[in-house]
Amino acid sequence: MTRAFNLIKNKYLIAGIAFLTWMLFFDRNDLMSQYEYRQQLTKLEAEKEFYTIESGKTVKDLTELTTDRSKLEKFAREKYLMKKENEDVFVIIKEEGKKDKSSLF
């Protein structure tokens, strides 16, 4: 019993426990902050990968559009609805979730 009392009374042990408590819970870089930083890092790495892939696709499309005239014409027709002078363009929009009158009752 006296050994436990002497151990608790040890100033180095008390200082060590106080230091660990401060570093784990009250410091600017405590455990919760480290966890949040790790989550943010994971999210940013996923975004970086996404934007790297999208950038690669864009560069590929740009090289195709600058080298191939038929690809440029196809791109202009699909994305910007451009047409030749003697053409008519019809845009078809699909409706989603159209309900029958019988399904309402």
N, C-alpha and C. Protein backbone atom coordinates (compact mmCIF):
# COMPACT_ATOMS: atom_id res chain seq x y z
N MET A 1 0.82 -1.19 0.00
CA MET A 1 0.00 0.00 0.00
C MET A 1 0.87 1.26 0.00
N THR A 2 1.93 1.22 0.77
CA THR A 2 2.81 2.39 0.82
C THR A 2 3.54 2.58 -0.49
N ARG A 3 3.80 1.47 -1.18
CA ARG A 3 4.46 1.58 -2.48
C ARG A 3 3.55 2.30 -3.48
N ALA A 4 2.26 1.98 -3.50
CA ALA A 4 1.30 2.65 -4.37
C ALA A 4 1.18 4.12 -3.99
N PHE A 5 1.19 4.39 -2.68
CA PHE A 5 1.10 5.77 -2.22
C PHE A 5 2.35 6.56 -2.63
N ASN A 6 3.50 5.92 -2.53
CA ASN A 6 4.74 6.58 -2.94
C ASN A 6 4.77 6.80 -4.46
N LEU A 7 4.22 5.86 -5.20
CA LEU A 7 4.16 5.99 -6.67
C LEU A 7 3.26 7.15 -7.06
N ILE A 8 2.13 7.29 -6.40
CA ILE A 8 1.21 8.39 -6.68
C ILE A 8 1.83 9.72 -6.25
N LYS A 9 2.61 9.69 -5.21
CA LYS A 9 3.23 10.89 -4.68
C LYS A 9 4.44 11.35 -5.52
N ASN A 10 4.91 10.51 -6.42
CA ASN A 10 6.08 10.80 -7.25
C ASN A 10 5.77 11.98 -8.18
N LYS A 11 6.56 13.04 -8.09
CA LYS A 11 6.29 14.24 -8.88
C LYS A 11 6.54 14.03 -10.37
N TYR A 12 7.42 13.13 -10.74
CA TYR A 12 7.68 12.86 -12.15
C TYR A 12 6.50 12.13 -12.79
N LEU A 13 5.90 11.22 -12.05
CA LEU A 13 4.73 10.51 -12.55
C LEU A 13 3.56 11.47 -12.72
N ILE A 14 3.36 12.33 -11.75
CA ILE A 14 2.27 13.31 -11.83
C ILE A 14 2.50 14.25 -13.01
N ALA A 15 3.75 14.72 -13.17
CA ALA A 15 4.05 15.61 -14.29
C ALA A 15 3.87 14.89 -15.63
N GLY A 16 4.26 13.63 -15.69
CA GLY A 16 4.09 12.86 -16.92
C GLY A 16 2.62 12.66 -17.27
N ILE A 17 1.81 12.33 -16.28
CA ILE A 17 0.36 12.14 -16.52
C ILE A 17 -0.28 13.45 -16.93
N ALA A 18 0.10 14.53 -16.27
CA ALA A 18 -0.44 15.85 -16.63
C ALA A 18 -0.03 16.21 -18.06
N PHE A 19 1.21 15.94 -18.42
CA PHE A 19 1.69 16.23 -19.77
C PHE A 19 0.92 15.41 -20.82
N LEU A 20 0.76 14.12 -20.57
CA LEU A 20 0.02 13.27 -21.51
C LEU A 20 -1.43 13.73 -21.64
N THR A 21 -2.05 14.06 -20.52
CA THR A 21 -3.43 14.53 -20.56
C THR A 21 -3.54 15.81 -21.37
N TRP A 22 -2.61 16.73 -21.14
CA TRP A 22 -2.62 17.98 -21.88
C TRP A 22 -2.43 17.74 -23.37
N MET A 23 -1.50 16.88 -23.74
CA MET A 23 -1.20 16.63 -25.15
C MET A 23 -2.33 15.87 -25.86
N LEU A 24 -3.01 14.99 -25.14
CA LEU A 24 -4.05 14.19 -25.76
C LEU A 24 -5.38 14.92 -25.89
N PHE A 25 -5.68 15.84 -24.98
CA PHE A 25 -7.01 16.42 -24.97
C PHE A 25 -7.06 17.94 -25.12
N PHE A 26 -6.08 18.67 -24.63
CA PHE A 26 -6.18 20.12 -24.59
C PHE A 26 -5.26 20.86 -25.56
N ASP A 27 -4.31 20.22 -26.13
CA ASP A 27 -3.36 20.86 -27.03
C ASP A 27 -4.03 21.19 -28.36
N ARG A 28 -3.42 22.08 -29.14
CA ARG A 28 -3.96 22.45 -30.45
C ARG A 28 -3.99 21.25 -31.40
N ASN A 29 -3.09 20.34 -31.24
CA ASN A 29 -3.01 19.14 -32.08
C ASN A 29 -3.42 17.90 -31.30
N ASP A 30 -4.57 17.96 -30.63
CA ASP A 30 -5.03 16.84 -29.83
C ASP A 30 -5.53 15.70 -30.72
N LEU A 31 -6.03 14.64 -30.11
CA LEU A 31 -6.45 13.46 -30.86
C LEU A 31 -7.60 13.76 -31.82
N MET A 32 -8.59 14.52 -31.38
CA MET A 32 -9.73 14.82 -32.25
C MET A 32 -9.28 15.66 -33.46
N SER A 33 -8.40 16.60 -33.23
CA SER A 33 -7.89 17.41 -34.36
C SER A 33 -7.14 16.53 -35.34
N GLN A 34 -6.33 15.63 -34.85
CA GLN A 34 -5.58 14.73 -35.72
C GLN A 34 -6.52 13.86 -36.55
N TYR A 35 -7.60 13.38 -35.92
CA TYR A 35 -8.58 12.56 -36.62
C TYR A 35 -9.26 13.39 -37.73
N GLU A 36 -9.65 14.62 -37.40
CA GLU A 36 -10.29 15.48 -38.41
C GLU A 36 -9.33 15.82 -39.54
N TYR A 37 -8.07 16.08 -39.20
CA TYR A 37 -7.07 16.34 -40.23
C TYR A 37 -6.89 15.14 -41.16
N ARG A 38 -6.90 13.95 -40.58
CA ARG A 38 -6.74 12.73 -41.38
C ARG A 38 -7.93 12.56 -42.33
N GLN A 39 -9.15 12.83 -41.85
CA GLN A 39 -10.33 12.74 -42.71
C GLN A 39 -10.26 13.77 -43.84
N GLN A 40 -9.85 14.97 -43.50
CA GLN A 40 -9.74 16.02 -44.50
C GLN A 40 -8.68 15.67 -45.54
N LEU A 41 -7.57 15.09 -45.10
CA LEU A 41 -6.52 14.68 -46.03
C LEU A 41 -7.03 13.61 -46.99
N THR A 42 -7.75 12.64 -46.48
CA THR A 42 -8.32 11.58 -47.32
C THR A 42 -9.27 12.17 -48.36
N LYS A 43 -10.11 13.10 -47.92
CA LYS A 43 -11.05 13.73 -48.84
C LYS A 43 -10.32 14.53 -49.92
N LEU A 44 -9.30 15.26 -49.53
CA LEU A 44 -8.54 16.06 -50.49
C LEU A 44 -7.77 15.18 -51.47
N GLU A 45 -7.26 14.05 -51.01
CA GLU A 45 -6.57 13.13 -51.92
C GLU A 45 -7.53 12.55 -52.94
N ALA A 46 -8.77 12.25 -52.52
CA ALA A 46 -9.78 11.74 -53.46
C ALA A 46 -10.13 12.82 -54.48
N GLU A 47 -10.26 14.06 -54.03
CA GLU A 47 -10.55 15.16 -54.96
C GLU A 47 -9.39 15.36 -55.94
N LYS A 48 -8.18 15.24 -55.44
CA LYS A 48 -7.01 15.40 -56.30
C LYS A 48 -7.01 14.34 -57.39
N GLU A 49 -7.32 13.10 -57.02
CA GLU A 49 -7.36 12.01 -58.00
C GLU A 49 -8.45 12.27 -59.04
N PHE A 50 -9.63 12.73 -58.58
CA PHE A 50 -10.73 13.03 -59.49
C PHE A 50 -10.33 14.11 -60.48
N TYR A 51 -9.75 15.21 -59.98
CA TYR A 51 -9.39 16.31 -60.86
C TYR A 51 -8.23 15.95 -61.78
N THR A 52 -7.35 15.07 -61.35
CA THR A 52 -6.28 14.61 -62.23
C THR A 52 -6.85 13.82 -63.39
N ILE A 53 -7.80 12.95 -63.11
CA ILE A 53 -8.44 12.16 -64.16
C ILE A 53 -9.21 13.07 -65.11
N GLU A 54 -9.97 14.02 -64.56
CA GLU A 54 -10.74 14.94 -65.40
C GLU A 54 -9.82 15.81 -66.25
N SER A 55 -8.71 16.22 -65.69
CA SER A 55 -7.74 17.03 -66.45
C SER A 55 -7.17 16.21 -67.61
N GLY A 56 -6.88 14.95 -67.35
CA GLY A 56 -6.39 14.08 -68.42
C GLY A 56 -7.40 13.91 -69.53
N LYS A 57 -8.68 13.76 -69.16
CA LYS A 57 -9.73 13.64 -70.17
C LYS A 57 -9.84 14.92 -70.99
N THR A 58 -9.73 16.05 -70.33
CA THR A 58 -9.84 17.33 -71.01
C THR A 58 -8.69 17.54 -71.98
N VAL A 59 -7.49 17.18 -71.56
CA VAL A 59 -6.33 17.30 -72.45
C VAL A 59 -6.49 16.38 -73.66
N LYS A 60 -7.00 15.19 -73.43
CA LYS A 60 -7.22 14.24 -74.53
C LYS A 60 -8.26 14.80 -75.50
N ASP A 61 -9.37 15.33 -74.96
CA ASP A 61 -10.39 15.93 -75.82
C ASP A 61 -9.83 17.11 -76.60
N LEU A 62 -9.01 17.93 -75.96
CA LEU A 62 -8.44 19.09 -76.63
C LEU A 62 -7.54 18.67 -77.78
N THR A 63 -6.72 17.65 -77.56
CA THR A 63 -5.85 17.21 -78.65
C THR A 63 -6.67 16.61 -79.79
N GLU A 64 -7.75 15.90 -79.46
CA GLU A 64 -8.60 15.35 -80.51
C GLU A 64 -9.30 16.47 -81.30
N LEU A 65 -9.76 17.49 -80.57
CA LEU A 65 -10.47 18.58 -81.24
C LEU A 65 -9.55 19.43 -82.10
N THR A 66 -8.32 19.58 -81.71
CA THR A 66 -7.40 20.40 -82.50
C THR A 66 -6.80 19.65 -83.68
N THR A 67 -6.84 18.33 -83.66
CA THR A 67 -6.23 17.57 -84.75
C THR A 67 -7.25 17.00 -85.74
N ASP A 68 -8.44 16.70 -85.30
CA ASP A 68 -9.42 16.03 -86.17
C ASP A 68 -10.62 16.95 -86.42
N ARG A 69 -10.83 17.33 -87.66
CA ARG A 69 -11.91 18.25 -88.01
C ARG A 69 -13.29 17.63 -87.79
N SER A 70 -13.44 16.32 -88.06
CA SER A 70 -14.74 15.68 -87.87
C SER A 70 -15.11 15.60 -86.38
N LYS A 71 -14.13 15.41 -85.52
CA LYS A 71 -14.39 15.40 -84.07
C LYS A 71 -14.81 16.78 -83.60
N LEU A 72 -14.20 17.82 -84.16
CA LEU A 72 -14.56 19.18 -83.80
C LEU A 72 -16.01 19.48 -84.20
N GLU A 73 -16.39 19.05 -85.37
CA GLU A 73 -17.77 19.26 -85.83
C GLU A 73 -18.75 18.49 -84.96
N LYS A 74 -18.42 17.25 -84.64
CA LYS A 74 -19.29 16.43 -83.78
C LYS A 74 -19.43 17.07 -82.40
N PHE A 75 -18.34 17.56 -81.86
CA PHE A 75 -18.36 18.20 -80.54
C PHE A 75 -19.24 19.45 -80.56
N ALA A 76 -19.09 20.27 -81.59
CA ALA A 76 -19.88 21.50 -81.69
C ALA A 76 -21.37 21.18 -81.83
N ARG A 77 -21.68 20.16 -82.58
CA ARG A 77 -23.09 19.79 -82.76
C ARG A 77 -23.71 19.26 -81.46
N GLU A 78 -22.96 18.44 -80.73
CA GLU A 78 -23.51 17.83 -79.52
C GLU A 78 -23.55 18.80 -78.34
N LYS A 79 -22.50 19.53 -78.11
CA LYS A 79 -22.40 20.36 -76.91
C LYS A 79 -23.08 21.72 -77.08
N TYR A 80 -22.94 22.32 -78.24
CA TYR A 80 -23.43 23.68 -78.42
C TYR A 80 -24.61 23.77 -79.39
N LEU A 81 -25.13 22.63 -79.82
CA LEU A 81 -26.29 22.54 -80.70
C LEU A 81 -26.12 23.40 -81.96
N MET A 82 -24.91 23.40 -82.50
CA MET A 82 -24.64 24.13 -83.75
C MET A 82 -25.13 23.31 -84.92
N LYS A 83 -25.45 24.01 -86.00
CA LYS A 83 -25.98 23.33 -87.18
C LYS A 83 -25.49 24.03 -88.43
N LYS A 84 -25.64 23.31 -89.53
CA LYS A 84 -25.34 23.92 -90.82
C LYS A 84 -26.51 24.81 -91.22
N GLU A 85 -26.32 25.61 -92.26
CA GLU A 85 -27.35 26.58 -92.63
C GLU A 85 -28.66 25.95 -93.08
N ASN A 86 -28.61 24.83 -93.77
CA ASN A 86 -29.83 24.23 -94.30
C ASN A 86 -30.33 23.07 -93.45
N GLU A 87 -29.98 23.04 -92.17
CA GLU A 87 -30.40 21.96 -91.29
C GLU A 87 -31.35 22.47 -90.22
N ASP A 88 -32.15 21.54 -89.71
CA ASP A 88 -32.98 21.82 -88.53
C ASP A 88 -32.52 20.90 -87.42
N VAL A 89 -32.47 21.42 -86.22
CA VAL A 89 -32.02 20.64 -85.07
C VAL A 89 -33.20 20.43 -84.14
N PHE A 90 -33.42 19.17 -83.75
CA PHE A 90 -34.47 18.83 -82.81
C PHE A 90 -33.83 18.29 -81.55
N VAL A 91 -34.15 18.90 -80.43
CA VAL A 91 -33.62 18.45 -79.15
C VAL A 91 -34.69 17.63 -78.46
N ILE A 92 -34.35 16.40 -78.12
CA ILE A 92 -35.29 15.49 -77.47
C ILE A 92 -34.90 15.36 -76.00
N ILE A 93 -35.81 15.71 -75.13
CA ILE A 93 -35.56 15.62 -73.70
C ILE A 93 -36.44 14.50 -73.14
N LYS A 94 -35.82 13.56 -72.49
CA LYS A 94 -36.56 12.44 -71.91
C LYS A 94 -37.13 12.85 -70.56
N GLU A 95 -38.40 12.55 -70.34
CA GLU A 95 -39.04 12.85 -69.05
C GLU A 95 -38.84 11.67 -68.12
N GLU A 96 -38.49 11.98 -66.89
CA GLU A 96 -38.28 10.93 -65.91
C GLU A 96 -39.44 10.90 -64.93
N GLY A 97 -39.84 9.71 -64.55
CA GLY A 97 -40.85 9.56 -63.51
C GLY A 97 -42.25 9.95 -63.95
N LYS A 98 -42.61 9.72 -65.21
CA LYS A 98 -43.95 10.03 -65.67
C LYS A 98 -44.92 9.03 -65.08
N LYS A 99 -46.00 9.53 -64.46
CA LYS A 99 -46.95 8.66 -63.75
C LYS A 99 -48.22 8.48 -64.58
N ASP A 100 -48.82 7.28 -64.46
CA ASP A 100 -50.09 7.00 -65.09
C ASP A 100 -51.20 7.54 -64.21
N LYS A 101 -52.37 7.77 -64.82
CA LYS A 101 -53.52 8.16 -64.02
C LYS A 101 -53.98 7.01 -63.14
N SER A 102 -53.78 5.78 -63.60
CA SER A 102 -54.22 4.62 -62.83
C SER A 102 -53.35 4.41 -61.59
N SER A 103 -52.11 4.88 -61.61
CA SER A 103 -51.23 4.67 -60.45
C SER A 103 -51.52 5.67 -59.33
N LEU A 104 -52.31 6.71 -59.62
CA LEU A 104 -52.62 7.69 -58.59
C LEU A 104 -53.67 7.19 -57.62
N PHE A 105 -54.48 6.24 -58.02
CA PHE A 105 -55.56 5.74 -57.16
C PHE A 105 -55.23 4.44 -56.51
